[in-house]
Protein backbone atom coordinates (compact mmCIF):
# COMPACT_ATOMS: atom_id res chain seq x y z
CA MET A 1 220.14 121.05 16.78
CA THR A 2 220.14 124.83 16.78
CA GLN A 3 217.47 126.47 14.68
CA ILE A 4 219.16 129.11 12.53
CA GLU A 5 217.26 131.99 10.94
CA PHE A 6 218.46 134.75 8.67
CA HIS A 7 216.44 137.98 8.85
CA PHE A 8 217.72 139.89 5.85
CA ASN A 9 217.06 143.26 4.19
CA ALA A 10 216.76 144.98 7.56
CA PRO A 11 216.72 148.67 6.50
CA GLU A 12 216.92 150.06 10.02
CA ARG A 13 218.87 147.25 11.65
CA LEU A 14 218.97 148.56 15.24
CA GLN A 15 215.25 149.46 15.24
CA TYR A 16 214.48 146.01 13.91
CA VAL A 17 216.59 144.35 16.63
CA CYS A 18 214.80 146.48 19.28
CA ARG A 19 211.42 145.29 18.01
CA LEU A 20 212.72 141.68 17.93
CA LEU A 21 213.94 141.92 21.51
CA ARG A 22 210.63 143.41 22.66
CA LYS A 23 208.82 140.48 21.09
CA ALA A 24 211.22 137.97 22.65
CA HIS A 25 210.95 139.64 26.08
CA ALA A 26 207.12 139.55 25.89
CA ARG A 27 207.47 135.81 25.36
CA ASN A 28 209.76 135.53 28.42
CA LEU A 29 212.68 134.40 26.30
CA ARG A 30 216.22 135.17 27.49
CA VAL A 31 218.27 136.62 24.63
CA GLY A 32 221.93 137.25 24.04
CA VAL A 33 223.08 139.70 21.42
CA VAL A 34 226.59 139.53 20.08
CA GLY A 35 228.51 141.77 17.73
CA SER A 36 231.24 144.37 17.70
CA ASP A 37 231.67 146.67 20.64
CA VAL A 38 230.49 149.57 18.45
CA ALA A 39 227.30 147.76 17.37
CA LEU A 40 226.55 146.75 20.94
CA ARG A 41 226.99 150.27 22.26
CA GLN A 42 224.70 151.58 19.50
CA LEU A 43 222.12 148.92 20.37
CA ASP A 44 222.38 149.73 24.09
CA THR A 45 221.64 153.41 23.26
CA ALA A 46 218.76 152.40 20.95
CA LEU A 47 217.19 150.18 23.63
CA TRP A 48 217.02 153.15 26.03
CA VAL A 49 215.25 155.43 23.53
CA PHE A 50 213.35 152.80 21.51
CA SER A 51 209.95 153.30 23.04
CA GLU A 52 208.54 155.57 25.69
CA PHE A 53 206.11 152.81 26.67
CA ASP A 54 208.38 149.77 26.78
CA PHE A 55 211.38 149.15 28.98
CA LEU A 56 213.60 146.31 27.80
CA PRO A 57 215.79 145.27 30.70
CA HIS A 58 219.22 144.53 29.40
CA SER A 59 222.85 144.50 30.45
CA THR A 60 226.13 145.03 28.74
CA PHE A 61 229.60 143.59 29.22
CA ALA A 62 230.38 146.65 31.44
CA ASP A 63 227.78 145.65 34.02
CA THR A 64 228.58 143.49 36.99
CA GLN A 65 228.24 139.70 36.68
CA ASP A 66 225.19 139.73 38.98
CA VAL A 67 223.43 142.29 36.75
CA GLN A 68 224.28 140.32 33.61
CA THR A 69 223.06 137.05 35.15
CA ALA A 70 219.74 138.66 36.13
CA SER A 71 219.20 140.36 32.75
CA PRO A 72 216.82 138.73 30.29
CA ILE A 73 218.70 140.51 27.45
CA ARG A 74 222.49 140.47 27.43
CA LEU A 75 224.67 142.51 25.02
CA HIS A 76 228.12 140.97 24.87
CA ALA A 77 230.90 140.67 22.34
CA ASP A 78 231.73 137.18 23.66
CA PRO A 79 229.01 134.56 22.90
CA ALA A 80 230.36 132.39 25.80
CA GLN A 81 228.96 135.01 28.16
CA CYS A 82 225.46 134.39 26.80
CA VAL A 83 225.43 130.60 27.12
CA GLY A 84 222.34 129.36 28.95
CA LEU A 85 220.03 131.82 27.25
CA ASP A 86 217.30 130.75 24.83
CA VAL A 87 218.20 132.80 21.77
CA LEU A 88 221.41 134.28 20.36
CA VAL A 89 221.14 137.23 17.97
CA ASN A 90 224.19 137.92 15.83
CA LEU A 91 225.04 141.44 14.76
CA GLY A 92 228.61 140.48 13.94
CA ASP A 93 230.39 139.65 10.71
CA ASP A 94 231.55 136.21 11.86
CA VAL A 95 229.89 132.99 12.92
CA PRO A 96 229.55 133.27 16.68
CA GLN A 97 231.67 130.79 18.56
CA GLY A 98 229.54 128.23 20.40
CA PHE A 99 226.33 129.11 18.61
CA GLU A 100 225.35 125.44 18.72
CA LYS A 101 224.80 125.71 22.47
CA PHE A 102 221.68 127.82 21.84
CA GLU A 103 218.20 126.60 20.88
CA ARG A 104 217.98 129.34 18.29
CA LEU A 105 220.34 131.69 16.43
CA ILE A 106 219.08 134.72 14.57
CA GLU A 107 221.35 136.41 12.01
CA ILE A 108 220.35 140.02 11.31
CA VAL A 109 221.43 141.15 7.81
CA ALA A 110 221.28 144.78 6.80
CA THR A 111 220.89 146.03 3.22
CA ASP A 112 224.51 147.20 2.71
CA ASP A 113 227.04 145.24 0.56
CA HIS A 114 229.38 144.42 3.39
CA GLY A 115 226.53 143.00 5.54
CA ARG A 116 225.28 140.89 2.63
CA MET A 117 228.77 139.58 1.82
CA THR A 118 229.56 138.53 5.38
CA ALA A 119 226.05 137.00 5.71
CA ARG A 120 226.68 134.87 2.63
CA GLN A 121 229.93 133.57 4.21
CA ARG A 122 228.02 132.64 7.39
CA TRP A 123 225.24 131.02 5.36
CA ARG A 124 227.82 128.89 3.56
CA HIS A 125 229.36 127.88 6.89
CA TYR A 126 226.06 126.79 8.37
CA THR A 127 224.98 124.87 5.29
CA ALA A 128 228.37 123.11 5.22
CA GLN A 129 227.58 122.01 8.75
CA ARG A 130 224.24 120.64 7.46
CA TYR A 131 221.99 123.10 9.30
CA ASP A 132 218.60 123.80 7.79
CA LEU A 133 218.31 127.58 7.52
CA LEU A 134 215.15 129.61 7.68
CA GLN A 135 215.07 132.92 5.86
CA HIS A 136 212.85 135.94 6.44
CA ASP A 137 213.00 138.70 3.78
CA LEU A 138 212.13 141.80 5.75
CA SER A 139 211.60 143.85 2.61
CA LYS A 140 208.41 141.84 2.05
CA ILE A 141 207.00 142.62 5.50
CA ALA A 142 205.08 145.81 6.13
CA PRO A 143 206.61 147.96 8.89
CA PRO A 144 204.74 148.06 12.25
């Protein structure tokens, strides 16, 4: 059964996702990130400027299939294009289709009202499906 985690109260959501992806990449995990086209373009940009010392190899839906297949981090609006990876990170408002095909799903929840409302809807969906949910309150963690 997929392990589902909610990381909520992310004040700088994209920076948090970049740090999360750096950590996953260091552990040799293959990660898919899903969300809206706008969110994924913003994350793509953030990954290029995130750190002058770390390069996080990633691909987007605009890259060739060969590049996407070789990439340990895939940014794609369609979760089906990320199947076979270890972790799925959701930046979208909806439950990602096919999330149960992943070992782990991480929901990133910002501090805004819209983000919290849609996260509550996803939370209810997962609990209705009898998933045990882990929660990480990022407001209680000191920034790196």
